[in-house]
Amino acid sequence: MNKLVFFLLFFSPLLYGQQVEQYSFGLLYDGLRNPAAIGTSNSLKAIGIVRQQWVGLSGSPSSQYGMIDLPVGVVSGGVGLSFQQSALGAHKVQRLKLGYSFHKTISDNSFVAIGATGGMLLVDYDGDKLRTPEGEYGNGQLDHRDQVLSAASFGGNTYTIDVGLYGRLQNFGVGISMINALAGKITIDQLSYLPERHIFGHLDYQFELGSFIQIKSGVQVYSNNSVVQSQAMILGTWNEIYSLGASLRGLQTESIGGIAGIRLNDHFQLFYSYEYNILPLRTVFDANHEVAVVYSLNKQIGNGKLPKVIYNPRYF
């Protein structure tokens, strides 16, 4: 009975609160939520994101995301590899996924794609970060004084598969995906749970404002069949170097934020996002901070190969 109570208290946030990580830059790279968008940039691309939520609150959520993908012209698609890690208090979630998407070209700058990712989901709890009212801590002491809790780490792992559809018609992009479409149960002792399915839908529009300003706007809506959340973003880029924008999260406006970015050179971009929480609990924690680094090769894979000719002259 004690183990069941412990499971409900500590695993409920995993099931509903942080099973799918929050990112301000979810619209910066469509493949973060939709495997069908893998390899659609026609060049090798990589992105790294670090996020800290609710700064100032002990045990607040933190997330890290890394991805690399590239188009594969031989099979008219793209492949990608991603890694995510998130922590909330004593528990940590890690995801390692490999994905593939198939692209069908309709016309210039227009295509449809279908994709899937599969990989491992690992869940761990760090017992030495847990605290009990009767426990002894400090001065080298770490004793929960509890028959159920221990200072040792414990956890489990399972497989997970995501699927998605993605399309682009000139300046418009639309997609829908399902996270954890197929997944196995994680078993810890005699307890187990099945990762929840999450459905993501997104729509974006890109256009030019004059000769030097590019605008990207988009909205995402996602749901786990019990909770619906939305996110909107607009980002303007001047002369392909400096970016400035704003974001809005929540159907009832949970947070508002600002985005700033700069192109460092021909391949690297740096972005920063600040989110101010508009919630009753905002008095006990600070804002959310997020940093993203984007790398793009900016040329099609395979271009630049030498032709099949002999460059050294022959003398007879």
C-alpha atoms as a PDB file:
ATOM      1  CA  MET A   1       0.000   0.000   0.000  1.00  0.00           C
ATOM      2  CA  ASN A   2       2.841   2.387   0.844  1.00  0.00           C
ATOM      3  CA  LYS A   3       4.437   1.757  -2.538  1.00  0.00           C
ATOM      4  CA  LEU A   4       1.135   2.444  -4.299  1.00  0.00           C
ATOM      5  CA  VAL A   5       0.775   5.800  -2.514  1.00  0.00           C
ATOM      6  CA  PHE A   6       4.392   6.678  -3.350  1.00  0.00           C
ATOM      7  CA  PHE A   7       3.825   5.760  -7.007  1.00  0.00           C
ATOM      8  CA  LEU A   8       0.718   7.955  -7.275  1.00  0.00           C
ATOM      9  CA  LEU A   9       2.354  10.929  -5.563  1.00  0.00           C
ATOM     10  CA  PHE A  10       5.594  10.948  -7.525  1.00  0.00           C
ATOM     11  CA  PHE A  11       4.621   9.456 -10.872  1.00  0.00           C
ATOM     12  CA  SER A  12       1.475  11.513 -11.472  1.00  0.00           C
ATOM     13  CA  PRO A  13       3.560  14.582 -12.501  1.00  0.00           C
ATOM     14  CA  LEU A  14       5.399  12.319 -14.934  1.00  0.00           C
ATOM     15  CA  LEU A  15       2.168  11.101 -16.511  1.00  0.00           C
ATOM     16  CA  TYR A  16       0.484  14.474 -16.910  1.00  0.00           C
ATOM     17  CA  GLY A  17       2.851  17.331 -16.050  1.00  0.00           C
ATOM     18  CA  GLN A  18       6.137  16.791 -17.832  1.00  0.00           C
ATOM     19  CA  GLN A  19       5.766  13.701 -19.969  1.00  0.00           C
ATOM     20  CA  VAL A  20       6.011  15.926 -23.074  1.00  0.00           C
ATOM     21  CA  GLU A  21       8.510  18.730 -22.571  1.00  0.00           C
ATOM     22  CA  GLN A  22       7.656  22.398 -23.082  1.00  0.00           C
ATOM     23  CA  TYR A  23       9.753  24.411 -25.577  1.00  0.00           C
ATOM     24  CA  SER A  24       9.401  28.024 -26.644  1.00  0.00           C
ATOM     25  CA  PHE A  25      11.167  27.080 -29.893  1.00  0.00           C
ATOM     26  CA  GLY A  26       8.774  24.286 -30.761  1.00  0.00           C
ATOM     27  CA  LEU A  27       7.956  26.170 -33.967  1.00  0.00           C
ATOM     28  CA  LEU A  28      11.589  26.925 -34.773  1.00  0.00           C
ATOM     29  CA  TYR A  29      12.128  23.365 -35.982  1.00  0.00           C
ATOM     30  CA  ASP A  30       9.010  21.436 -37.066  1.00  0.00           C
ATOM     31  CA  GLY A  31      10.757  18.067 -36.639  1.00  0.00           C
ATOM     32  CA  LEU A  32      10.895  18.555 -32.868  1.00  0.00           C
ATOM     33  CA  ARG A  33       7.261  17.426 -32.641  1.00  0.00           C
ATOM     34  CA  ASN A  34       6.629  15.933 -36.081  1.00  0.00           C
ATOM     35  CA  PRO A  35       8.808  13.121 -37.499  1.00  0.00           C
ATOM     36  CA  ALA A  36       7.447  13.781 -41.007  1.00  0.00           C
ATOM     37  CA  ALA A  37       9.366  17.101 -41.071  1.00  0.00           C
ATOM     38  CA  ILE A  38      12.730  15.330 -40.803  1.00  0.00           C
ATOM     39  CA  GLY A  39      15.075  16.258 -43.641  1.00  0.00           C
ATOM     40  CA  THR A  40      12.734  18.782 -45.281  1.00  0.00           C
ATOM     41  CA  SER A  41      15.286  21.630 -45.163  1.00  0.00           C
ATOM     42  CA  ASN A  42      17.256  20.086 -48.094  1.00  0.00           C
ATOM     43  CA  SER A  43      20.497  20.330 -46.120  1.00  0.00           C
ATOM     44  CA  LEU A  44      22.147  18.893 -43.050  1.00  0.00           C
ATOM     45  CA  LYS A  45      20.716  20.636 -39.995  1.00  0.00           C
ATOM     46  CA  ALA A  46      21.288  20.426 -36.264  1.00  0.00           C
ATOM     47  CA  ILE A  47      19.682  22.166 -33.308  1.00  0.00           C
ATOM     48  CA  GLY A  48      20.387  22.213 -29.589  1.00  0.00           C
ATOM     49  CA  ILE A  49      17.975  23.621 -26.984  1.00  0.00           C
ATOM     50  CA  VAL A  50      18.407  24.195 -23.251  1.00  0.00           C
ATOM     51  CA  ARG A  51      15.356  25.236 -21.205  1.00  0.00           C
ATOM     52  CA  GLN A  52      14.906  26.166 -17.542  1.00  0.00           C
ATOM     53  CA  GLN A  53      11.321  26.581 -16.305  1.00  0.00           C
ATOM     54  CA  TRP A  54      10.069  28.328 -13.188  1.00  0.00           C
ATOM     55  CA  VAL A  55      13.449  29.737 -12.197  1.00  0.00           C
ATOM     56  CA  GLY A  56      13.716  30.255  -8.447  1.00  0.00           C
ATOM     57  CA  LEU A  57      11.547  27.260  -7.521  1.00  0.00           C
ATOM     58  CA  SER A  58      13.466  24.314  -6.037  1.00  0.00           C
ATOM     59  CA  GLY A  59      13.303  21.235  -8.260  1.00  0.00           C
ATOM     60  CA  SER A  60      11.850  23.196 -11.181  1.00  0.00           C
ATOM     61  CA  PRO A  61      11.697  21.530 -14.625  1.00  0.00           C
ATOM     62  CA  SER A  62      14.716  21.687 -16.920  1.00  0.00           C
ATOM     63  CA  SER A  63      15.046  20.220 -20.421  1.00  0.00           C
ATOM     64  CA  GLN A  64      17.731  19.647 -23.025  1.00  0.00           C
ATOM     65  CA  TYR A  65      17.132  18.704 -26.650  1.00  0.00           C
ATOM     66  CA  GLY A  66      19.554  17.848 -29.441  1.00  0.00           C
ATOM     67  CA  MET A  67      18.839  16.806 -33.015  1.00  0.00           C
ATOM     68  CA  ILE A  68      20.630  16.271 -36.308  1.00  0.00           C
ATOM     69  CA  ASP A  69      18.904  15.437 -39.589  1.00  0.00           C
ATOM     70  CA  LEU A  70      19.684  15.426 -43.294  1.00  0.00           C
ATOM     71  CA  PRO A  71      17.909  14.666 -46.568  1.00  0.00           C
ATOM     72  CA  VAL A  72      18.552  11.381 -48.353  1.00  0.00           C
ATOM     73  CA  GLY A  73      17.967  11.941 -52.048  1.00  0.00           C
ATOM     74  CA  VAL A  74      18.316   8.285 -53.001  1.00  0.00           C
ATOM     75  CA  VAL A  75      15.078   7.408 -51.200  1.00  0.00           C
ATOM     76  CA  SER A  76      13.381  10.843 -51.495  1.00  0.00           C
ATOM     77  CA  GLY A  77      13.289  11.441 -47.779  1.00  0.00           C
ATOM     78  CA  GLY A  78      15.285  12.298 -44.695  1.00  0.00           C
ATOM     79  CA  VAL A  79      16.784  10.671 -41.615  1.00  0.00           C
ATOM     80  CA  GLY A  80      17.297  12.149 -38.166  1.00  0.00           C
ATOM     81  CA  LEU A  81      18.634  11.366 -34.708  1.00  0.00           C
ATOM     82  CA  SER A  82      17.413  13.151 -31.570  1.00  0.00           C
ATOM     83  CA  PHE A  83      18.045  13.087 -27.835  1.00  0.00           C
ATOM     84  CA  GLN A  84      15.957  14.670 -25.087  1.00  0.00           C
ATOM     85  CA  GLN A  85      16.489  14.874 -21.359  1.00  0.00           C
ATOM     86  CA  SER A  86      14.229  16.488 -18.799  1.00  0.00           C
ATOM     87  CA  ALA A  87      14.353  16.661 -15.014  1.00  0.00           C
ATOM     88  CA  LEU A  88      11.674  17.588 -12.495  1.00  0.00           C
ATOM     89  CA  GLY A  89      12.718  17.330  -8.880  1.00  0.00           C
ATOM     90  CA  ALA A  90      13.967  13.815  -8.224  1.00  0.00           C
ATOM     91  CA  HIS A  91      12.822  12.296 -11.514  1.00  0.00           C
ATOM     92  CA  LYS A  92      14.524  12.344 -14.912  1.00  0.00           C
ATOM     93  CA  VAL A  93      13.289  11.297 -18.347  1.00  0.00           C
ATOM     94  CA  GLN A  94      15.518  10.546 -21.342  1.00  0.00           C
ATOM     95  CA  ARG A  95      14.524   9.829 -24.935  1.00  0.00           C
ATOM     96  CA  LEU A  96      16.747   8.620 -27.776  1.00  0.00           C
ATOM     97  CA  LYS A  97      15.051   8.365 -31.177  1.00  0.00           C
ATOM     98  CA  LEU A  98      15.962   7.553 -34.770  1.00  0.00           C
ATOM     99  CA  GLY A  99      13.568   8.690 -37.486  1.00  0.00           C
ATOM    100  CA  TYR A 100      12.834   8.585 -41.205  1.00  0.00           C
ATOM    101  CA  SER A 101      10.443  10.577 -43.384  1.00  0.00           C
ATOM    102  CA  PHE A 102       9.370  10.030 -46.991  1.00  0.00           C
ATOM    103  CA  HIS A 103       8.847  13.155 -49.137  1.00  0.00           C
ATOM    104  CA  LYS A 104       6.714  13.480 -52.265  1.00  0.00           C
ATOM    105  CA  THR A 105       7.331  16.629 -54.296  1.00  0.00           C
ATOM    106  CA  ILE A 106       4.245  18.332 -55.750  1.00  0.00           C
ATOM    107  CA  SER A 107       5.899  21.389 -57.310  1.00  0.00           C
ATOM    108  CA  ASP A 108       8.568  23.939 -56.443  1.00  0.00           C
ATOM    109  CA  ASN A 109       8.475  24.606 -52.688  1.00  0.00           C
ATOM    110  CA  SER A 110       5.490  22.285 -52.302  1.00  0.00           C
ATOM    111  CA  PHE A 111       5.527  18.712 -50.986  1.00  0.00           C
ATOM    112  CA  VAL A 112       3.882  16.224 -48.642  1.00  0.00           C
ATOM    113  CA  ALA A 113       5.689  13.916 -46.223  1.00  0.00           C
ATOM    114  CA  ILE A 114       5.029  11.019 -43.879  1.00  0.00           C
ATOM    115  CA  GLY A 115       7.423   9.940 -41.167  1.00  0.00           C
ATOM    116  CA  ALA A 116       8.051   7.971 -38.000  1.00  0.00           C
ATOM    117  CA  THR A 117      10.595   7.868 -35.194  1.00  0.00           C
ATOM    118  CA  GLY A 118      11.361   5.029 -32.832  1.00  0.00           C
ATOM    119  CA  GLY A 119      13.600   4.670 -29.837  1.00  0.00           C
ATOM    120  CA  MET A 120      13.981   4.244 -26.101  1.00  0.00           C
ATOM    121  CA  LEU A 121      12.311   6.020 -23.200  1.00  0.00           C
ATOM    122  CA  LEU A 122      14.144   5.856 -19.864  1.00  0.00           C
ATOM    123  CA  VAL A 123      12.755   7.033 -16.516  1.00  0.00           C
ATOM    124  CA  ASP A 124      14.913   7.379 -13.383  1.00  0.00           C
ATOM    125  CA  TYR A 125      14.365   8.607  -9.846  1.00  0.00           C
ATOM    126  CA  ASP A 126      17.268   9.844  -7.737  1.00  0.00           C
ATOM    127  CA  GLY A 127      16.553   8.796  -4.186  1.00  0.00           C
ATOM    128  CA  ASP A 128      19.068  11.145  -2.592  1.00  0.00           C
ATOM    129  CA  LYS A 129      17.078  14.142  -3.887  1.00  0.00           C
ATOM    130  CA  LEU A 130      13.913  13.074  -2.070  1.00  0.00           C
ATOM    131  CA  ARG A 131      13.132  14.528   1.359  1.00  0.00           C
ATOM    132  CA  THR A 132      10.848  13.395   4.185  1.00  0.00           C
ATOM    133  CA  PRO A 133       9.682  15.352   7.262  1.00  0.00           C
ATOM    134  CA  GLU A 134      11.384  12.889   9.634  1.00  0.00           C
ATOM    135  CA  GLY A 135      14.571  12.482   7.596  1.00  0.00           C
ATOM    136  CA  GLU A 136      18.060  13.518   8.651  1.00  0.00           C
ATOM    137  CA  TYR A 137      20.013  15.572   6.110  1.00  0.00           C
ATOM    138  CA  GLY A 138      23.172  17.657   6.183  1.00  0.00           C
ATOM    139  CA  ASN A 139      26.600  17.150   7.731  1.00  0.00           C
ATOM    140  CA  GLY A 140      27.081  14.059   5.603  1.00  0.00           C
ATOM    141  CA  GLN A 141      23.768  12.520   6.734  1.00  0.00           C
ATOM    142  CA  LEU A 142      21.221  11.218   4.231  1.00  0.00           C
ATOM    143  CA  ASP A 143      18.574   9.119   5.955  1.00  0.00           C
ATOM    144  CA  HIS A 144      14.924   9.348   4.913  1.00  0.00           C
ATOM    145  CA  ARG A 145      13.856   7.338   7.971  1.00  0.00           C
ATOM    146  CA  ASP A 146      11.224   5.708   5.795  1.00  0.00           C
ATOM    147  CA  GLN A 147      10.573   2.010   5.139  1.00  0.00           C
ATOM    148  CA  VAL A 148       9.674   2.612   1.486  1.00  0.00           C
ATOM    149  CA  LEU A 149      12.002   5.366   0.318  1.00  0.00           C
ATOM    150  CA  SER A 150      15.697   4.757  -0.164  1.00  0.00           C
ATOM    151  CA  ALA A 151      18.603   6.916  -1.241  1.00  0.00           C
ATOM    152  CA  ALA A 152      19.317   4.613  -4.176  1.00  0.00           C
ATOM    153  CA  SER A 153      18.274   5.409  -7.750  1.00  0.00           C
ATOM    154  CA  PHE A 154      15.544   3.364  -9.391  1.00  0.00           C
ATOM    155  CA  GLY A 155      13.750   3.422 -12.726  1.00  0.00           C
ATOM    156  CA  GLY A 156      12.803   1.600 -15.899  1.00  0.00           C
ATOM    157  CA  ASN A 157      12.749   1.843 -19.677  1.00  0.00           C
ATOM    158  CA  THR A 158      10.596   0.993 -22.659  1.00  0.00           C
ATOM    159  CA  TYR A 159      10.242   1.613 -26.404  1.00  0.00           C
ATOM    160  CA  THR A 160       8.240   4.395 -28.030  1.00  0.00           C
ATOM    161  CA  ILE A 161       7.198   5.169 -31.621  1.00  0.00           C
ATOM    162  CA  ASP A 162       5.957   8.520 -32.977  1.00  0.00           C
ATOM    163  CA  VAL A 163       4.228   9.094 -36.342  1.00  0.00           C
ATOM    164  CA  GLY A 164       3.354  12.197 -38.344  1.00  0.00           C
ATOM    165  CA  LEU A 165       2.139  13.851 -41.547  1.00  0.00           C
ATOM    166  CA  TYR A 166       3.577  17.105 -42.871  1.00  0.00           C
ATOM    167  CA  GLY A 167       2.977  19.262 -45.902  1.00  0.00           C
ATOM    168  CA  ARG A 168       4.099  22.563 -47.380  1.00  0.00           C
ATOM    169  CA  LEU A 169       2.392  24.593 -50.079  1.00  0.00           C
ATOM    170  CA  GLN A 170       4.633  27.510 -50.995  1.00  0.00           C
ATOM    171  CA  ASN A 171       4.617  29.694 -47.870  1.00  0.00           C
ATOM    172  CA  PHE A 172       2.160  27.602 -45.850  1.00  0.00           C
ATOM    173  CA  GLY A 173       3.097  24.613 -43.704  1.00  0.00           C
ATOM    174  CA  VAL A 174       0.760  22.222 -41.882  1.00  0.00           C
ATOM    175  CA  GLY A 175       1.336  19.074 -39.885  1.00  0.00           C
ATOM    176  CA  ILE A 176      -0.170  16.606 -37.440  1.00  0.00           C
ATOM    177  CA  SER A 177       1.655  14.022 -35.355  1.00  0.00           C
ATOM    178  CA  MET A 178       1.156  11.577 -32.514  1.00  0.00           C
ATOM    179  CA  ILE A 179       3.781  11.167 -29.807  1.00  0.00           C
ATOM    180  CA  ASN A 180       3.882   7.710 -28.170  1.00  0.00           C
ATOM    181  CA  ALA A 181       1.594   6.301 -30.860  1.00  0.00           C
ATOM    182  CA  LEU A 182       3.008   2.921 -29.865  1.00  0.00           C
ATOM    183  CA  ALA A 183       4.798   2.382 -26.567  1.00  0.00           C
ATOM    184  CA  GLY A 184       5.537  -0.347 -24.078  1.00  0.00           C
ATOM    185  CA  LYS A 185       4.862  -0.286 -20.368  1.00  0.00           C
ATOM    186  CA  ILE A 186       7.492   0.788 -17.871  1.00  0.00           C
ATOM    187  CA  THR A 187       7.600  -1.607 -14.940  1.00  0.00           C
ATOM    188  CA  ILE A 188       9.105  -0.670 -11.571  1.00  0.00           C
ATOM    189  CA  ASP A 189       8.781  -3.374  -8.929  1.00  0.00           C
ATOM    190  CA  GLN A 190       5.152  -4.505  -9.233  1.00  0.00           C
ATOM    191  CA  LEU A 191       3.921  -1.223 -10.667  1.00  0.00           C
ATOM    192  CA  SER A 192       3.698  -0.190 -14.320  1.00  0.00           C
ATOM    193  CA  TYR A 193       2.329   2.555 -16.512  1.00  0.00           C
ATOM    194  CA  LEU A 194       1.861   3.125 -20.221  1.00  0.00           C
ATOM    195  CA  PRO A 195       3.182   6.426 -21.675  1.00  0.00           C
ATOM    196  CA  GLU A 196       0.284   8.597 -22.771  1.00  0.00           C
ATOM    197  CA  ARG A 197      -0.384   9.484 -26.395  1.00  0.00           C
ATOM    198  CA  HIS A 198      -0.125  13.170 -27.296  1.00  0.00           C
ATOM    199  CA  ILE A 199      -1.478  14.668 -30.528  1.00  0.00           C
ATOM    200  CA  PHE A 200       0.214  17.747 -32.002  1.00  0.00           C
ATOM    201  CA  GLY A 201      -1.149  19.944 -34.774  1.00  0.00           C
ATOM    202  CA  HIS A 202       0.607  22.972 -36.248  1.00  0.00           C
ATOM    203  CA  LEU A 203       0.130  25.608 -38.929  1.00  0.00           C
ATOM    204  CA  ASP A 204       2.708  28.166 -40.046  1.00  0.00           C
ATOM    205  CA  TYR A 205       3.028  30.917 -42.627  1.00  0.00           C
ATOM    206  CA  GLN A 206       6.195  32.583 -43.911  1.00  0.00           C
ATOM    207  CA  PHE A 207       6.429  35.707 -46.040  1.00  0.00           C
ATOM    208  CA  GLU A 208       8.670  38.659 -46.852  1.00  0.00           C
ATOM    209  CA  LEU A 209       7.935  42.195 -45.722  1.00  0.00           C
ATOM    210  CA  GLY A 210       9.815  44.413 -48.120  1.00  0.00           C
ATOM    211  CA  SER A 211      13.289  43.492 -49.349  1.00  0.00           C
ATOM    212  CA  PHE A 212      15.034  42.898 -46.033  1.00  0.00           C
ATOM    213  CA  ILE A 213      12.511  41.479 -43.546  1.00  0.00           C
ATOM    214  CA  GLN A 214      11.326  37.872 -43.387  1.00  0.00           C
ATOM    215  CA  ILE A 215       8.381  36.932 -41.156  1.00  0.00           C
ATOM    216  CA  LYS A 216       7.607  33.474 -39.782  1.00  0.00           C
ATOM    217  CA  SER A 217       4.419  32.930 -37.797  1.00  0.00           C
ATOM    218  CA  GLY A 218       2.852  29.775 -36.479  1.00  0.00           C
ATOM    219  CA  VAL A 219       0.526  28.141 -33.991  1.00  0.00           C
ATOM    220  CA  GLN A 220       0.571  24.735 -32.310  1.00  0.00           C
ATOM    221  CA  VAL A 221      -2.213  22.907 -30.504  1.00  0.00           C
ATOM    222  CA  TYR A 222      -1.562  19.710 -28.580  1.00  0.00           C
ATOM    223  CA  SER A 223      -3.624  17.421 -26.414  1.00  0.00           C
ATOM    224  CA  ASN A 224      -3.431  14.217 -24.381  1.00  0.00           C
ATOM    225  CA  ASN A 225      -7.238  13.677 -24.615  1.00  0.00           C
ATOM    226  CA  SER A 226      -7.750  15.383 -21.256  1.00  0.00           C
ATOM    227  CA  VAL A 227      -5.751  18.642 -21.423  1.00  0.00           C
ATOM    228  CA  VAL A 228      -5.466  20.959 -24.435  1.00  0.00           C
ATOM    229  CA  GLN A 229      -2.685  23.525 -24.740  1.00  0.00           C
ATOM    230  CA  SER A 230      -1.746  25.988 -27.458  1.00  0.00           C
ATOM    231  CA  GLN A 231       1.320  27.979 -28.438  1.00  0.00           C
ATOM    232  CA  ALA A 232       1.742  30.820 -30.940  1.00  0.00           C
ATOM    233  CA  MET A 233       4.875  32.545 -32.206  1.00  0.00           C
ATOM    234  CA  ILE A 234       5.810  35.317 -34.624  1.00  0.00           C
ATOM    235  CA  LEU A 235       9.409  35.972 -35.567  1.00  0.00           C
ATOM    236  CA  GLY A 236      10.818  38.668 -37.827  1.00  0.00           C
ATOM    237  CA  THR A 237      14.329  38.495 -39.305  1.00  0.00           C
ATOM    238  CA  TRP A 238      16.114  41.507 -40.769  1.00  0.00           C
ATOM    239  CA  ASN A 239      18.606  40.957 -43.586  1.00  0.00           C
ATOM    240  CA  GLU A 240      18.838  37.263 -42.555  1.00  0.00           C
ATOM    241  CA  ILE A 241      20.934  38.302 -39.510  1.00  0.00           C
ATOM    242  CA  TYR A 242      18.917  39.757 -36.624  1.00  0.00           C
ATOM    243  CA  SER A 243      15.680  38.196 -35.347  1.00  0.00           C
ATOM    244  CA  LEU A 244      13.061  39.525 -32.957  1.00  0.00           C
ATOM    245  CA  GLY A 245       9.698  38.066 -32.027  1.00  0.00           C
ATOM    246  CA  ALA A 246       7.074  37.181 -29.446  1.00  0.00           C
ATOM    247  CA  SER A 247       5.352  34.057 -28.151  1.00  0.00           C
ATOM    248  CA  LEU A 248       2.126  33.214 -26.365  1.00  0.00           C
ATOM    249  CA  ARG A 249       1.332  29.974 -24.553  1.00  0.00           C
ATOM    250  CA  GLY A 250      -1.976  28.595 -23.305  1.00  0.00           C
ATOM    251  CA  LEU A 251      -5.613  28.795 -24.363  1.00  0.00           C
ATOM    252  CA  GLN A 252      -6.144  31.110 -21.396  1.00  0.00           C
ATOM    253  CA  THR A 253      -2.724  32.799 -21.713  1.00  0.00           C
ATOM    254  CA  GLU A 254      -0.396  30.994 -19.322  1.00  0.00           C
ATOM    255  CA  SER A 255       2.682  32.954 -20.398  1.00  0.00           C
ATOM    256  CA  ILE A 256       3.892  35.636 -22.778  1.00  0.00           C
ATOM    257  CA  GLY A 257       7.459  35.962 -23.998  1.00  0.00           C
ATOM    258  CA  GLY A 258      10.004  37.608 -26.213  1.00  0.00           C
ATOM    259  CA  ILE A 259      12.492  36.050 -28.641  1.00  0.00           C
ATOM    260  CA  ALA A 260      15.787  37.422 -29.915  1.00  0.00           C
ATOM    261  CA  GLY A 261      18.254  35.845 -32.327  1.00  0.00           C
ATOM    262  CA  ILE A 262      21.379  36.522 -34.341  1.00  0.00           C
ATOM    263  CA  ARG A 263      23.144  34.786 -37.210  1.00  0.00           C
ATOM    264  CA  LEU A 264      26.749  34.341 -36.083  1.00  0.00           C
ATOM    265  CA  ASN A 265      28.133  33.237 -39.467  1.00  0.00           C
ATOM    266  CA  ASP A 266      27.111  31.314 -42.578  1.00  0.00           C
ATOM    267  CA  HIS A 267      26.214  28.231 -40.550  1.00  0.00           C
ATOM    268  CA  PHE A 268      25.306  29.126 -36.940  1.00  0.00           C
ATOM    269  CA  GLN A 269      22.357  30.979 -35.399  1.00  0.00           C
ATOM    270  CA  LEU A 270      21.795  31.761 -31.723  1.00  0.00           C
ATOM    271  CA  PHE A 271      18.350  32.358 -30.153  1.00  0.00           C
ATOM    272  CA  TYR A 272      17.158  33.303 -26.675  1.00  0.00           C
ATOM    273  CA  SER A 273      13.600  33.217 -25.313  1.00  0.00           C
ATOM    274  CA  TYR A 274      12.219  34.778 -22.136  1.00  0.00           C
ATOM    275  CA  GLU A 275       8.743  33.777 -20.932  1.00  0.00           C
ATOM    276  CA  TYR A 276       6.853  35.616 -18.201  1.00  0.00           C
ATOM    277  CA  ASN A 277       4.285  33.437 -16.430  1.00  0.00           C
ATOM    278  CA  ILE A 278       0.778  34.828 -16.080  1.00  0.00           C
ATOM    279  CA  LEU A 279      -0.390  32.362 -13.445  1.00  0.00           C
ATOM    280  CA  PRO A 280      -1.610  32.600  -9.839  1.00  0.00           C
ATOM    281  CA  LEU A 281       1.578  30.758  -8.768  1.00  0.00           C
ATOM    282  CA  ARG A 282       3.887  33.313 -10.403  1.00  0.00           C
ATOM    283  CA  THR A 283       4.656  34.788  -6.958  1.00  0.00           C
ATOM    284  CA  VAL A 284       6.652  31.672  -6.011  1.00  0.00           C
ATOM    285  CA  PHE A 285       8.765  31.312  -9.159  1.00  0.00           C
ATOM    286  CA  ASP A 286      10.426  33.438 -11.793  1.00  0.00           C
ATOM    287  CA  ALA A 287      10.201  33.306 -15.582  1.00  0.00           C
ATOM    288  CA  ASN A 288      11.231  30.613 -18.087  1.00  0.00           C
ATOM    289  CA  HIS A 289      14.518  30.886 -19.997  1.00  0.00           C
ATOM    290  CA  GLU A 290      15.497  29.053 -23.169  1.00  0.00           C
ATOM    291  CA  VAL A 291      18.555  29.100 -25.443  1.00  0.00           C
ATOM    292  CA  ALA A 292      18.780  27.478 -28.882  1.00  0.00           C
ATOM    293  CA  VAL A 293      21.728  27.014 -31.237  1.00  0.00           C
ATOM    294  CA  VAL A 294      20.953  26.135 -34.864  1.00  0.00           C
ATOM    295  CA  TYR A 295      23.479  24.816 -37.383  1.00  0.00           C
ATOM    296  CA  SER A 296      22.827  24.477 -41.103  1.00  0.00           C
ATOM    297  CA  LEU A 297      25.232  23.267 -43.756  1.00  0.00           C
ATOM    298  CA  ASN A 298      23.410  25.539 -46.237  1.00  0.00           C
ATOM    299  CA  LYS A 299      24.102  23.410 -49.260  1.00  0.00           C
ATOM    300  CA  GLN A 300      22.575  20.304 -50.724  1.00  0.00           C
ATOM    301  CA  ILE A 301      24.171  17.042 -49.699  1.00  0.00           C
ATOM    302  CA  GLY A 302      26.302  15.627 -52.517  1.00  0.00           C
ATOM    303  CA  ASN A 303      26.904  18.915 -54.370  1.00  0.00           C
ATOM    304  CA  GLY A 304      30.476  19.845 -55.078  1.00  0.00           C
ATOM    305  CA  LYS A 305      31.722  16.355 -55.991  1.00  0.00           C
ATOM    306  CA  LEU A 306      34.386  16.256 -58.646  1.00  0.00           C
ATOM    307  CA  PRO A 307      33.278  14.979 -62.036  1.00  0.00           C
ATOM    308  CA  LYS A 308      34.579  11.680 -63.343  1.00  0.00           C
ATOM    309  CA  VAL A 309      37.483  13.061 -65.394  1.00  0.00           C
ATOM    310  CA  ILE A 310      41.237  12.689 -65.249  1.00  0.00           C
ATOM    311  CA  TYR A 311      42.923  15.915 -64.220  1.00  0.00           C
ATOM    312  CA  ASN A 312      46.560  14.740 -64.617  1.00  0.00           C
ATOM    313  CA  PRO A 313      47.697  14.749 -68.264  1.00  0.00           C
ATOM    314  CA  ARG A 314      49.045  11.563 -69.812  1.00  0.00           C
ATOM    315  CA  TYR A 315      52.186  11.540 -71.875  1.00  0.00           C
ATOM    316  CA  PHE A 316      52.881   8.850 -74.430  1.00  0.00           C
END
